[in-house]
Amino acid sequence: MFLLYHGPDEFSAHEALARLRATHDFGYNQDTFTGAGADLATIRNTCDTMPFLSEQRLVVVDGLPKRKRGGKDDGADDSSSPPSQGEGSGEGSAKSGKGKKGKTASGPDPKAFAAGLAEYVPSLPEFSILVLLADEVLDAASPLLKAAQKFGKAQAFLLPRGPQLEDWVARRAASHDAKLAPEAARLLAVEVGDNLRLLALEIEKLATYVGQGATIRVEDVRTLTPASRQAKVFDLTDALARRDRKRALALLHELLAAGESPLGIVALTAFQTRSLLQVKTLAEQGLRAPQIAQTAGMAPFVVEKTLPLARQFSFAQLEAAHRSLLEIDIALKRSKMTPEMALDLLVVEFGITGSRP
């Protein structure tokens, strides 16, 4: 079976994937490929391999490849332009096939990958379930959408807005055996926004706080949910993990300007670093994502989110980052440097010590 989960609501898509894992016995026959580095031949060979000690195999392709170019316009291609006067086999030829900044396109060709995967779907063995997670809504002309509609199932995951978001919040609370006052649902939707992962964490925390069968009220939300600043803290830790220092610095100063505690920022960043270390350690031991979630006591979607980030670091880099966080925490408590200086240093130095994996 071919399952296509497409759309910007990656949280709900990953939860659907987690339910699929929970309702089938795949055992050790689970493989995940990232779209950026996906190799079509490897995906096909994996799907064609008979499962071991289980009746089914699960193959997940997380994301579609995107062509990386040096220029800003992905559609521009200098090779299609005629050479100007004076251009020959020398400088003119060197520019052929390059973007505006002179860098060649890299990575799998997105159109060829989509067409090749769609062409393979009809021959997918009965013992394999192939799941594709795409972070955008695919249009009707997409060969992948057509293949899913004919040989499997396609499901679009769109982010809820307005009243739909409030309904989502209420249903989520009910899944934790808690009721949610309409005003409280509205306040959560406004303060946290459509970050469903963060909303889910906040609702779980509130449901635990009020107790089984109780009602979450506005006062509870104001007591336990520190508004949308917390969402930026999570964005900051993701930017640090991806080593996007420009975005991390921008988010950091937004948080400080909004009054977020420097020690709180350090604590959340340390938590993210520990998660990366834990997931990387278990992955290096050969454990799959479901096994890592069970061993580490993490939610499956958290592991799915953390695994690609963990692969970007070596153990030396993560250990150095953790030591740096400890040193900054001590420096802040002893007032050895200003919070702005300490946190700027954290962003600049995060993950640069040690060799690349």
Protein backbone atom coordinates (compact mmCIF):
# COMPACT_ATOMS: atom_id res chain seq x y z
CA MET A 1 0.00 0.00 0.00
CA PHE A 2 1.13 3.53 -0.79
CA LEU A 3 0.12 6.27 1.68
CA LEU A 4 0.63 9.92 0.82
CA TYR A 5 0.41 12.40 3.72
CA HIS A 6 0.79 15.89 2.29
CA GLY A 7 0.30 19.43 3.59
CA PRO A 8 1.85 21.91 6.06
CA ASP A 9 0.46 20.23 9.21
CA GLU A 10 3.45 17.94 9.77
CA PHE A 11 2.47 17.34 13.40
CA SER A 12 -0.81 15.61 12.50
CA ALA A 13 0.88 13.75 9.65
CA HIS A 14 3.50 12.35 12.03
CA GLU A 15 0.78 11.41 14.51
CA ALA A 16 -1.00 9.48 11.75
CA LEU A 17 2.29 7.73 11.04
CA ALA A 18 2.69 6.91 14.74
CA ARG A 19 -0.80 5.35 14.78
CA LEU A 20 0.13 3.27 11.76
CA ARG A 21 3.23 2.00 13.54
CA ALA A 22 1.19 1.18 16.66
CA THR A 23 -1.50 -0.80 14.82
CA HIS A 24 0.86 -2.98 12.76
CA ASP A 25 3.60 -5.39 13.72
CA PHE A 26 6.55 -4.23 11.63
CA GLY A 27 9.16 -5.39 14.13
CA TYR A 28 12.64 -4.61 12.82
CA ASN A 29 11.33 -3.97 9.31
CA GLN A 30 11.10 -0.19 9.51
CA ASP A 31 13.20 2.22 7.45
CA THR A 32 13.06 6.00 7.15
CA PHE A 33 14.61 8.08 4.37
CA THR A 34 14.85 11.88 4.31
CA GLY A 35 13.76 13.57 1.11
CA ALA A 36 16.88 15.74 0.86
CA GLY A 37 19.16 12.71 0.62
CA ALA A 38 16.72 10.11 -0.69
CA ASP A 39 18.04 7.69 -3.29
CA LEU A 40 15.25 6.24 -5.41
CA ALA A 41 17.05 2.96 -6.10
CA THR A 42 17.68 2.41 -2.38
CA ILE A 43 14.04 3.09 -1.54
CA ARG A 44 12.89 0.61 -4.20
CA ASN A 45 15.32 -2.07 -3.03
CA THR A 46 14.22 -1.60 0.57
CA CYS A 47 10.54 -1.92 -0.36
CA ASP A 48 11.29 -5.06 -2.40
CA THR A 49 13.13 -6.77 0.47
CA MET A 50 11.10 -9.45 2.26
CA PRO A 51 10.41 -8.58 5.92
CA PHE A 52 12.30 -10.50 8.60
CA LEU A 53 10.29 -12.19 11.39
CA SER A 54 7.24 -10.13 10.47
CA GLU A 55 4.57 -10.09 7.79
CA GLN A 56 4.95 -6.44 6.79
CA ARG A 57 7.61 -3.86 6.11
CA LEU A 58 7.26 -0.08 6.65
CA VAL A 59 9.25 2.34 4.49
CA VAL A 60 8.90 6.08 5.20
CA VAL A 61 10.12 8.88 2.94
CA ASP A 62 10.12 12.03 5.05
CA GLY A 63 9.92 14.99 2.71
CA LEU A 64 10.45 15.44 -1.02
CA PRO A 65 13.85 16.51 -2.39
CA LYS A 66 14.18 20.17 -3.25
CA ARG A 67 16.64 21.38 -5.85
CA LYS A 68 19.30 23.63 -4.28
CA ARG A 69 20.70 26.36 -6.45
CA GLY A 70 23.12 29.20 -5.95
CA GLY A 71 20.66 31.82 -7.23
CA LYS A 72 17.50 33.14 -5.62
CA ASP A 73 15.23 32.05 -8.46
CA ASP A 74 15.02 28.27 -8.58
CA GLY A 75 13.43 28.43 -11.99
CA ALA A 76 16.24 30.41 -13.60
CA ASP A 77 18.72 28.44 -15.67
CA ASP A 78 21.53 30.24 -17.38
CA SER A 79 22.14 27.24 -19.63
CA SER A 80 18.98 28.09 -21.55
CA SER A 81 20.24 31.57 -22.46
CA PRO A 82 22.29 32.07 -25.60
CA PRO A 83 25.94 33.01 -24.97
CA SER A 84 26.66 36.70 -25.20
CA GLN A 85 29.33 38.13 -27.50
CA GLY A 86 32.76 37.06 -26.35
CA GLU A 87 31.54 33.93 -24.61
CA GLY A 88 32.96 30.71 -25.93
CA SER A 89 34.27 27.48 -24.57
CA GLY A 90 36.01 29.33 -21.76
CA GLU A 91 34.20 31.63 -19.38
CA GLY A 92 30.84 31.25 -21.11
CA SER A 93 30.93 27.49 -20.82
CA ALA A 94 31.86 27.71 -17.17
CA LYS A 95 28.65 29.64 -16.54
CA SER A 96 26.44 27.12 -18.31
CA GLY A 97 24.05 25.27 -16.01
CA LYS A 98 24.70 27.56 -13.06
CA GLY A 99 22.46 29.77 -10.97
CA LYS A 100 22.74 33.53 -10.61
CA LYS A 101 25.60 33.22 -8.13
CA GLY A 102 27.52 30.76 -10.29
CA LYS A 103 26.80 27.60 -8.29
CA THR A 104 25.54 24.45 -9.95
CA ALA A 105 22.30 22.81 -8.91
CA SER A 106 22.75 19.96 -6.45
CA GLY A 107 20.76 17.12 -4.98
CA PRO A 108 18.17 14.80 -6.54
CA ASP A 109 16.00 16.26 -9.29
CA PRO A 110 12.58 16.78 -7.62
CA LYS A 111 10.51 16.13 -10.74
CA ALA A 112 12.46 13.03 -11.71
CA PHE A 113 12.27 11.70 -8.14
CA ALA A 114 8.48 12.22 -7.94
CA ALA A 115 7.93 10.66 -11.37
CA GLY A 116 10.20 7.70 -10.58
CA LEU A 117 8.56 7.00 -7.22
CA ALA A 118 5.07 7.25 -8.75
CA GLU A 119 6.09 4.90 -11.55
CA TYR A 120 7.29 2.34 -8.98
CA VAL A 121 4.13 2.41 -6.82
CA PRO A 122 2.08 -0.05 -8.96
CA SER A 123 4.77 -2.71 -8.45
CA LEU A 124 5.02 -2.18 -4.68
CA PRO A 125 4.99 -5.64 -3.00
CA GLU A 126 1.96 -6.55 -0.91
CA PHE A 127 4.12 -6.95 2.18
CA SER A 128 5.38 -3.35 2.05
CA ILE A 129 3.68 -0.13 3.15
CA LEU A 130 5.32 2.94 1.64
CA VAL A 131 4.52 6.26 3.35
CA LEU A 132 5.49 9.60 1.83
CA LEU A 133 5.37 12.73 4.00
CA ALA A 134 5.30 15.95 1.95
CA ASP A 135 5.24 19.33 3.69
CA GLU A 136 3.15 20.98 0.99
CA VAL A 137 -0.21 20.28 -0.60
CA LEU A 138 0.33 18.47 -3.90
CA ASP A 139 -1.86 19.59 -6.77
CA ALA A 140 -4.06 17.36 -8.93
CA ALA A 141 -1.39 17.09 -11.63
CA SER A 142 1.15 15.54 -9.25
CA PRO A 143 2.07 11.99 -10.33
CA LEU A 144 2.44 11.07 -6.65
CA LEU A 145 -1.10 12.19 -5.85
CA LYS A 146 -2.45 10.27 -8.83
CA ALA A 147 -0.54 7.15 -7.77
CA ALA A 148 -1.85 7.40 -4.20
CA GLN A 149 -5.45 7.84 -5.37
CA LYS A 150 -5.18 4.80 -7.67
CA PHE A 151 -3.01 2.42 -5.65
CA GLY A 152 -3.31 3.58 -2.05
CA LYS A 153 -4.57 6.55 -0.10
CA ALA A 154 -3.85 10.28 -0.06
CA GLN A 155 -4.61 12.51 2.91
CA ALA A 156 -4.09 16.26 3.05
CA PHE A 157 -3.07 17.76 6.40
CA LEU A 158 -3.93 21.46 6.62
CA LEU A 159 -3.28 23.68 9.62
CA PRO A 160 -6.56 24.58 11.39
CA ARG A 161 -7.38 28.29 11.65
CA GLY A 162 -9.81 30.35 13.71
CA PRO A 163 -12.80 28.33 14.97
CA GLN A 164 -11.28 25.15 13.50
CA LEU A 165 -8.21 25.63 15.69
CA GLU A 166 -10.40 26.09 18.77
CA ASP A 167 -12.26 22.87 17.90
CA TRP A 168 -8.93 21.07 17.50
CA VAL A 169 -7.84 22.28 20.95
CA ALA A 170 -11.12 21.08 22.50
CA ARG A 171 -10.82 17.63 20.87
CA ARG A 172 -7.24 17.34 22.02
CA ALA A 173 -8.26 18.08 25.60
CA ALA A 174 -11.02 15.47 25.37
CA SER A 175 -8.44 12.89 24.27
CA HIS A 176 -6.75 13.48 27.63
CA ASP A 177 -10.09 13.05 29.45
CA ALA A 178 -10.38 16.76 30.22
CA LYS A 179 -12.94 19.39 29.32
CA LEU A 180 -12.00 22.80 27.99
CA ALA A 181 -14.00 25.96 28.58
CA PRO A 182 -14.65 27.83 25.29
CA GLU A 183 -12.84 30.93 26.60
CA ALA A 184 -9.84 28.80 27.56
CA ALA A 185 -9.75 27.19 24.11
CA ARG A 186 -9.84 30.63 22.51
CA LEU A 187 -7.05 31.90 24.78
CA LEU A 188 -4.82 28.92 23.98
CA ALA A 189 -5.41 29.35 20.24
CA VAL A 190 -4.55 33.06 20.42
CA GLU A 191 -1.48 32.80 22.66
CA VAL A 192 0.16 29.70 21.19
CA GLY A 193 -1.14 30.00 17.62
CA ASP A 194 -1.19 27.12 15.12
CA ASN A 195 1.95 25.44 16.44
CA LEU A 196 0.12 22.16 17.01
CA ARG A 197 3.09 20.40 18.59
CA LEU A 198 3.39 23.10 21.27
CA LEU A 199 -0.40 23.24 21.69
CA ALA A 200 -0.48 19.48 22.28
CA LEU A 201 2.20 19.76 24.96
CA GLU A 202 0.38 22.62 26.68
CA ILE A 203 -2.95 20.76 26.65
CA GLU A 204 -1.36 17.63 28.09
CA LYS A 205 0.20 19.72 30.85
CA LEU A 206 -3.10 21.48 31.61
CA ALA A 207 -5.06 18.21 31.63
CA THR A 208 -2.62 16.73 34.13
CA TYR A 209 -2.87 19.87 36.26
CA VAL A 210 -6.68 19.98 36.54
CA GLY A 211 -7.07 16.21 36.89
CA GLN A 212 -9.12 13.53 35.14
CA GLY A 213 -12.57 14.67 34.02
CA ALA A 214 -12.07 18.25 35.22
CA THR A 215 -12.49 21.44 33.18
CA ILE A 216 -9.57 23.57 32.03
CA ARG A 217 -10.48 27.21 32.61
CA VAL A 218 -9.00 30.54 31.56
CA GLU A 219 -7.29 30.90 34.95
CA ASP A 220 -5.50 27.58 34.44
CA VAL A 221 -4.25 28.62 31.01
CA ARG A 222 -2.95 31.94 32.35
CA THR A 223 -1.22 30.17 35.23
CA LEU A 224 0.56 27.46 33.24
CA THR A 225 0.97 28.70 29.67
CA PRO A 226 3.57 31.45 29.17
CA ALA A 227 1.99 32.76 25.95
CA SER A 228 3.57 32.62 22.52
CA ARG A 229 7.08 33.45 23.74
CA GLN A 230 7.53 29.79 24.54
CA ALA A 231 6.91 28.92 20.89
CA LYS A 232 9.85 31.15 19.96
CA VAL A 233 12.03 29.34 22.50
CA PHE A 234 11.29 26.06 20.72
CA ASP A 235 12.03 27.73 17.38
CA LEU A 236 15.33 28.95 18.83
CA THR A 237 16.41 25.49 19.93
CA ASP A 238 15.55 24.11 16.49
CA ALA A 239 17.57 26.89 14.81
CA LEU A 240 20.53 26.11 17.08
CA ALA A 241 20.27 22.41 16.28
CA ARG A 242 20.21 23.22 12.55
CA ARG A 243 23.06 25.69 13.09
CA ASP A 244 21.09 28.50 11.47
CA ARG A 245 22.90 31.16 13.51
CA LYS A 246 21.35 34.15 11.75
CA ARG A 247 17.81 33.02 12.63
CA ALA A 248 18.88 31.90 16.11
CA LEU A 249 20.33 35.33 16.93
CA ALA A 250 17.19 37.07 15.64
CA LEU A 251 14.93 34.83 17.74
CA LEU A 252 17.16 35.21 20.77
CA HIS A 253 16.94 39.00 20.77
CA GLU A 254 13.18 38.88 20.16
CA LEU A 255 12.86 36.72 23.29
CA LEU A 256 15.07 38.96 25.39
CA ALA A 257 13.19 42.07 24.21
CA ALA A 258 9.91 40.37 25.18
CA GLY A 259 11.22 39.75 28.72
CA GLU A 260 12.05 36.03 28.51
CA SER A 261 14.43 34.84 31.26
CA PRO A 262 17.99 34.19 30.00
CA LEU A 263 18.25 31.26 32.42
CA GLY A 264 14.99 29.86 31.03
CA ILE A 265 16.36 30.05 27.49
CA VAL A 266 19.52 28.23 28.59
CA ALA A 267 17.49 25.54 30.40
CA LEU A 268 15.31 24.79 27.36
CA THR A 269 18.33 24.72 25.07
CA ALA A 270 20.06 22.30 27.44
CA PHE A 271 16.97 20.07 27.37
CA GLN A 272 17.06 20.01 23.57
CA THR A 273 20.78 19.17 23.58
CA ARG A 274 20.26 16.28 26.01
CA SER A 275 17.48 14.95 23.76
CA LEU A 276 19.79 15.11 20.74
CA LEU A 277 22.50 13.23 22.63
CA GLN A 278 20.09 10.57 23.86
CA VAL A 279 18.50 9.98 20.46
CA LYS A 280 21.87 9.92 18.67
CA THR A 281 23.27 7.40 21.19
CA LEU A 282 20.35 5.01 20.74
CA ALA A 283 20.36 5.41 16.97
CA GLU A 284 24.07 4.57 16.87
CA GLN A 285 23.23 1.36 18.75
CA GLY A 286 21.01 0.35 15.82
CA LEU A 287 17.62 1.15 17.35
CA ARG A 288 14.80 2.32 15.06
CA ALA A 289 12.64 5.36 15.81
CA PRO A 290 9.84 3.38 17.59
CA GLN A 291 12.40 1.55 19.71
CA ILE A 292 14.14 4.82 20.59
CA ALA A 293 10.80 6.34 21.64
CA GLN A 294 10.05 3.37 23.88
CA THR A 295 13.55 3.20 25.40
CA ALA A 296 13.93 6.94 25.99
CA GLY A 297 10.34 7.49 27.10
CA MET A 298 9.76 10.04 24.32
CA ALA A 299 6.72 10.59 22.16
CA PRO A 300 7.20 9.00 18.69
CA PHE A 301 6.75 12.33 16.87
CA VAL A 302 9.47 13.90 19.07
CA VAL A 303 11.91 11.16 18.05
CA GLU A 304 10.94 11.54 14.37
CA LYS A 305 11.63 15.28 14.67
CA THR A 306 14.90 14.87 16.59
CA LEU A 307 16.56 12.10 14.53
CA PRO A 308 17.41 14.21 11.42
CA LEU A 309 18.82 16.95 13.67
CA ALA A 310 20.92 14.51 15.71
CA ARG A 311 22.55 13.21 12.53
CA GLN A 312 23.90 16.68 11.81
CA PHE A 313 26.17 16.57 14.87
CA SER A 314 29.01 14.42 16.13
CA PHE A 315 29.04 13.32 19.77
CA ALA A 316 31.97 15.67 20.35
CA GLN A 317 29.95 18.64 19.11
CA LEU A 318 26.93 17.84 21.27
CA GLU A 319 29.06 17.24 24.36
CA ALA A 320 30.90 20.53 23.76
CA ALA A 321 27.57 22.35 23.34
CA HIS A 322 26.32 20.87 26.61
CA ARG A 323 29.48 21.96 28.45
CA SER A 324 29.12 25.42 26.95
CA LEU A 325 25.54 25.63 28.24
CA LEU A 326 26.72 24.67 31.73
CA GLU A 327 29.45 27.32 31.66
CA ILE A 328 26.99 30.00 30.49
CA ASP A 329 24.50 28.96 33.17
CA ILE A 330 27.20 29.40 35.85
CA ALA A 331 28.38 32.69 34.35
CA LEU A 332 24.85 34.09 34.34
CA LYS A 333 24.25 33.05 37.95
CA ARG A 334 27.55 34.60 39.05
CA SER A 335 26.98 37.75 36.94
CA LYS A 336 30.30 37.32 35.18
CA MET A 337 28.87 38.64 31.91
CA THR A 338 25.71 40.30 30.66
CA PRO A 339 22.88 37.99 29.54
CA GLU A 340 23.04 39.37 26.00
CA MET A 341 26.76 38.68 25.72
CA ALA A 342 26.45 35.19 27.21
CA LEU A 343 23.59 34.13 24.94
CA ASP A 344 25.15 35.66 21.82
CA LEU A 345 28.26 33.62 22.61
CA LEU A 346 26.12 30.50 22.97
CA VAL A 347 24.56 30.96 19.54
CA VAL A 348 27.87 31.67 17.82
CA GLU A 349 29.75 28.75 19.41
CA PHE A 350 26.94 26.16 19.55
CA GLY A 351 28.08 22.92 17.93
CA ILE A 352 31.31 24.19 16.34
CA THR A 353 33.66 22.18 18.58
CA GLY A 354 34.57 18.70 17.46
CA SER A 355 34.57 17.07 14.05
CA ARG A 356 31.58 16.68 11.77
CA PRO A 357 29.86 13.25 11.81
